[in-house]
Amino acid sequence: MFCQHCGTSLPPGAQFCPGCGKAVQASADEAVYRGNAREFPREPAEPSPVAVGEQVRPWVRYWARTTDIIVFSFPMGMVLGVVWPDLMAGDNPASEWVLGFVLLLCWAFVEPLCLSVFQTTPGKALFRIRLLHRGGSEIAYGDALARSLKVWLRGMAMGLPLVSLVTLIVAHGRLKRHGRTSWDAERMFQVVHQPVGWARTLAAVALFLAFLFVVGAAG
């Protein structure tokens, strides 16, 4: 169950949201249940979300985004190899940066499609992250696109070497201080985390190692 005002995960039976402090609007069935607790058997509780204080998890978000880029790079790399073979050949010293620039920019247009349909992406799903609107409304593609472009520009600095490192550090600091990034605050998005677990962590590590192996073999 999530807060109707800000999208924060609510513990069972909560009357006030621990994220925004507003009263929780119970559904009709839940209200009847509260008034007739002895007449209704309690349903099994849903898996517990990460505690509210642990919703600020910049490294989990970073690795989720890195996983998305890795997964997207495989099919997109094959497409670019057909339509732009000179770029994939890597003869030009600047081709590596140009390739990263193109991949990140293309992902900025694909990611919003995943978010508007599924509220998550492959990498976010692996790390059990969802993106919600604080108002409880569905995520429109345009809003998700504006967010992704800001991440591409402010968070990753279009893939520019060294500059992107600085912007990532700045975004990390803001997230730790304020509990959300500028692109989430401006579009009223709430990032919700669930426990990841060892199995998903190992799967992410295996995927990353496989990517390094493919890149090494291709080089």
Protein backbone atom coordinates (compact mmCIF):
# COMPACT_ATOMS: atom_id res chain seq x y z
CA MET A 1 0.00 0.00 0.00
CA PHE A 2 1.29 3.46 -0.91
CA CYS A 3 0.45 6.98 0.24
CA GLN A 4 -2.03 8.73 -2.08
CA HIS A 5 -0.22 12.04 -1.58
CA CYS A 6 3.49 11.27 -2.02
CA GLY A 7 3.74 7.60 -3.07
CA THR A 8 5.71 6.48 -0.01
CA SER A 9 5.33 2.81 0.93
CA LEU A 10 3.12 2.49 4.02
CA PRO A 11 3.52 -0.08 6.79
CA PRO A 12 0.41 -2.21 7.49
CA GLY A 13 -2.24 -0.34 9.46
CA ALA A 14 -0.58 3.07 9.14
CA GLN A 15 -2.90 6.03 9.75
CA PHE A 16 -0.34 8.70 8.83
CA CYS A 17 2.27 8.66 6.06
CA PRO A 18 5.84 8.51 7.42
CA GLY A 19 7.02 10.38 4.32
CA CYS A 20 4.76 13.45 4.16
CA GLY A 21 2.86 13.15 7.47
CA LYS A 22 -0.59 13.37 5.91
CA ALA A 23 -3.46 11.17 7.00
CA VAL A 24 -3.83 7.93 5.08
CA GLN A 25 -7.07 7.62 3.19
CA ALA A 26 -8.21 4.08 3.76
CA SER A 27 -10.11 2.23 1.08
CA ALA A 28 -13.75 1.31 1.69
CA ASP A 29 -12.90 -2.35 2.33
CA GLU A 30 -10.15 -1.42 4.76
CA ALA A 31 -12.44 0.99 6.62
CA VAL A 32 -15.04 -1.74 7.04
CA TYR A 33 -12.33 -4.09 8.20
CA ARG A 34 -11.10 -1.63 10.82
CA GLY A 35 -14.62 -1.17 12.14
CA ASN A 36 -15.36 -4.89 12.24
CA ALA A 37 -11.96 -6.37 12.97
CA ARG A 38 -13.40 -9.46 14.62
CA GLU A 39 -15.58 -10.34 11.64
CA PHE A 40 -12.87 -10.37 8.99
CA PRO A 41 -9.77 -12.56 8.94
CA ARG A 42 -6.54 -10.63 8.47
CA GLU A 43 -5.01 -11.08 5.03
CA PRO A 44 -1.35 -12.11 4.69
CA ALA A 45 0.92 -9.09 4.83
CA GLU A 46 2.73 -8.01 1.68
CA PRO A 47 6.54 -8.27 1.60
CA SER A 48 7.95 -5.54 3.80
CA PRO A 49 9.45 -2.62 1.88
CA VAL A 50 12.74 -1.04 2.78
CA ALA A 51 12.30 1.25 5.79
CA VAL A 52 11.46 4.85 4.98
CA GLY A 53 14.84 6.05 6.23
CA GLU A 54 16.53 3.69 3.77
CA GLN A 55 14.71 4.96 0.68
CA VAL A 56 17.69 7.20 -0.10
CA ARG A 57 19.97 4.64 -1.72
CA PRO A 58 22.17 6.41 -4.31
CA TRP A 59 24.45 3.43 -5.01
CA VAL A 60 21.51 1.11 -5.65
CA ARG A 61 20.08 3.67 -8.06
CA TYR A 62 23.49 4.08 -9.74
CA TRP A 63 23.92 0.36 -10.34
CA ALA A 64 20.33 0.04 -11.54
CA ARG A 65 20.99 2.74 -14.15
CA THR A 66 24.32 1.14 -15.09
CA THR A 67 22.51 -2.18 -15.59
CA ASP A 68 19.96 -0.47 -17.83
CA ILE A 69 22.71 1.02 -19.97
CA ILE A 70 24.50 -2.34 -20.21
CA VAL A 71 21.33 -4.17 -21.23
CA PHE A 72 20.45 -1.46 -23.75
CA SER A 73 23.97 -1.37 -25.21
CA PHE A 74 23.83 -4.90 -26.62
CA PRO A 75 20.92 -4.50 -29.10
CA MET A 76 21.70 -0.84 -29.75
CA GLY A 77 25.34 -1.68 -30.46
CA MET A 78 24.27 -4.18 -33.11
CA VAL A 79 22.02 -1.59 -34.72
CA LEU A 80 24.79 0.99 -34.76
CA GLY A 81 27.16 -1.59 -36.21
CA VAL A 82 24.86 -1.82 -39.23
CA VAL A 83 23.91 1.83 -39.73
CA TRP A 84 27.20 3.38 -38.52
CA PRO A 85 30.04 0.85 -38.95
CA ASP A 86 32.80 3.48 -38.81
CA LEU A 87 31.74 4.43 -35.28
CA MET A 88 31.84 0.83 -34.09
CA ALA A 89 35.25 0.23 -35.71
CA GLY A 90 36.86 2.49 -33.13
CA ASP A 91 39.64 3.78 -35.42
CA ASN A 92 38.95 7.36 -34.36
CA PRO A 93 40.21 8.16 -30.81
CA ALA A 94 37.02 10.13 -30.20
CA SER A 95 34.76 7.31 -31.39
CA GLU A 96 34.51 5.79 -27.92
CA TRP A 97 33.08 8.98 -26.45
CA VAL A 98 30.79 9.49 -29.44
CA LEU A 99 29.49 5.94 -29.03
CA GLY A 100 28.79 6.56 -25.34
CA PHE A 101 27.09 9.85 -26.18
CA VAL A 102 24.81 8.20 -28.74
CA LEU A 103 23.94 5.26 -26.47
CA LEU A 104 23.09 7.48 -23.50
CA LEU A 105 21.02 9.86 -25.62
CA CYS A 106 19.06 7.01 -27.21
CA TRP A 107 18.43 5.46 -23.80
CA ALA A 108 17.05 8.81 -22.61
CA PHE A 109 14.19 8.32 -25.09
CA VAL A 110 13.66 4.60 -24.44
CA GLU A 111 13.68 4.77 -20.63
CA PRO A 112 10.55 6.99 -20.43
CA LEU A 113 8.61 4.39 -22.41
CA CYS A 114 9.44 1.74 -19.81
CA LEU A 115 8.60 4.09 -16.94
CA SER A 116 5.28 5.22 -18.42
CA VAL A 117 4.15 1.63 -19.04
CA PHE A 118 5.72 -0.39 -16.21
CA GLN A 119 6.85 2.27 -13.67
CA THR A 120 10.28 0.64 -13.84
CA THR A 121 13.05 -0.41 -16.23
CA PRO A 122 15.00 -3.68 -16.58
CA GLY A 123 17.76 -2.43 -14.30
CA LYS A 124 15.35 -0.92 -11.79
CA ALA A 125 13.27 -4.10 -11.79
CA LEU A 126 16.39 -6.17 -11.05
CA PHE A 127 17.15 -3.92 -8.06
CA ARG A 128 13.46 -3.68 -7.12
CA ILE A 129 13.03 0.04 -7.76
CA ARG A 130 9.85 1.72 -8.97
CA LEU A 131 9.11 5.29 -9.97
CA LEU A 132 5.79 6.77 -8.82
CA HIS A 133 4.05 10.11 -9.16
CA ARG A 134 3.66 11.76 -5.76
CA GLY A 135 0.09 12.66 -6.68
CA GLY A 136 -0.74 9.03 -7.44
CA SER A 137 -1.42 9.70 -11.14
CA GLU A 138 -0.03 7.62 -13.97
CA ILE A 139 3.36 8.59 -15.37
CA ALA A 140 3.00 10.30 -18.74
CA TYR A 141 5.67 9.70 -21.35
CA GLY A 142 6.34 13.45 -21.62
CA ASP A 143 7.02 13.79 -17.88
CA ALA A 144 9.23 10.71 -17.88
CA LEU A 145 11.09 12.01 -20.95
CA ALA A 146 11.75 15.37 -19.29
CA ARG A 147 13.12 13.51 -16.26
CA SER A 148 15.35 11.23 -18.36
CA LEU A 149 16.79 14.15 -20.33
CA LYS A 150 17.63 15.94 -17.08
CA VAL A 151 19.35 12.80 -15.80
CA TRP A 152 21.27 12.59 -19.08
CA LEU A 153 22.31 16.25 -18.87
CA ARG A 154 22.65 16.99 -15.14
CA GLY A 155 23.44 13.54 -13.80
CA MET A 156 25.61 12.02 -16.52
CA ALA A 157 26.75 15.22 -18.30
CA MET A 158 26.03 13.57 -21.67
CA GLY A 159 28.80 11.05 -20.94
CA LEU A 160 31.61 13.63 -20.99
CA PRO A 161 34.72 12.18 -19.29
CA LEU A 162 35.54 13.70 -15.88
CA VAL A 163 32.62 16.13 -16.18
CA SER A 164 30.17 13.27 -15.69
CA LEU A 165 32.10 12.22 -12.57
CA VAL A 166 31.58 15.69 -11.09
CA THR A 167 27.87 15.78 -11.91
CA LEU A 168 27.37 12.31 -10.42
CA ILE A 169 29.08 13.41 -7.19
CA VAL A 170 26.89 16.52 -7.04
CA ALA A 171 23.73 14.46 -7.63
CA HIS A 172 24.84 11.97 -4.96
CA GLY A 173 25.32 14.79 -2.45
CA ARG A 174 21.92 16.32 -3.17
CA LEU A 175 20.19 12.97 -2.84
CA LYS A 176 21.85 12.34 0.53
CA ARG A 177 21.02 15.85 1.82
CA HIS A 178 17.49 16.33 0.52
CA GLY A 179 16.26 12.77 0.03
CA ARG A 180 15.63 13.22 -3.71
CA THR A 181 17.38 14.49 -6.81
CA SER A 182 16.54 17.71 -8.64
CA TRP A 183 14.90 15.86 -11.55
CA ASP A 184 12.60 13.95 -9.19
CA ALA A 185 11.75 17.03 -7.12
CA GLU A 186 10.86 19.16 -10.15
CA ARG A 187 8.51 16.53 -11.63
CA MET A 188 7.12 15.34 -8.28
CA PHE A 189 8.44 11.79 -8.66
CA GLN A 190 8.97 9.35 -5.81
CA VAL A 191 11.56 6.56 -6.10
CA VAL A 192 10.45 3.51 -4.09
CA HIS A 193 12.90 0.79 -3.07
CA GLN A 194 12.20 -2.80 -2.04
CA PRO A 195 14.79 -5.17 -0.50
CA VAL A 196 17.14 -6.44 -3.22
CA GLY A 197 18.40 -9.72 -1.79
CA TRP A 198 21.52 -11.75 -2.57
CA ALA A 199 20.12 -13.55 -5.62
CA ARG A 200 19.43 -10.31 -7.50
CA THR A 201 22.77 -8.86 -6.41
CA LEU A 202 24.64 -11.89 -7.76
CA ALA A 203 22.64 -11.71 -11.00
CA ALA A 204 23.67 -8.05 -11.42
CA VAL A 205 27.33 -8.91 -10.77
CA ALA A 206 27.18 -11.75 -13.30
CA LEU A 207 25.64 -9.42 -15.89
CA PHE A 208 28.35 -6.82 -15.32
CA LEU A 209 31.14 -9.41 -15.63
CA ALA A 210 29.58 -10.77 -18.82
CA PHE A 211 29.53 -7.24 -20.25
CA LEU A 212 33.21 -6.75 -19.41
CA PHE A 213 34.01 -10.08 -21.06
CA VAL A 214 32.17 -9.16 -24.26
CA VAL A 215 33.82 -5.73 -24.39
CA GLY A 216 37.25 -7.29 -23.80
CA ALA A 217 36.66 -9.91 -26.49
CA ALA A 218 35.47 -7.30 -28.96
CA GLY A 219 38.51 -5.16 -28.28
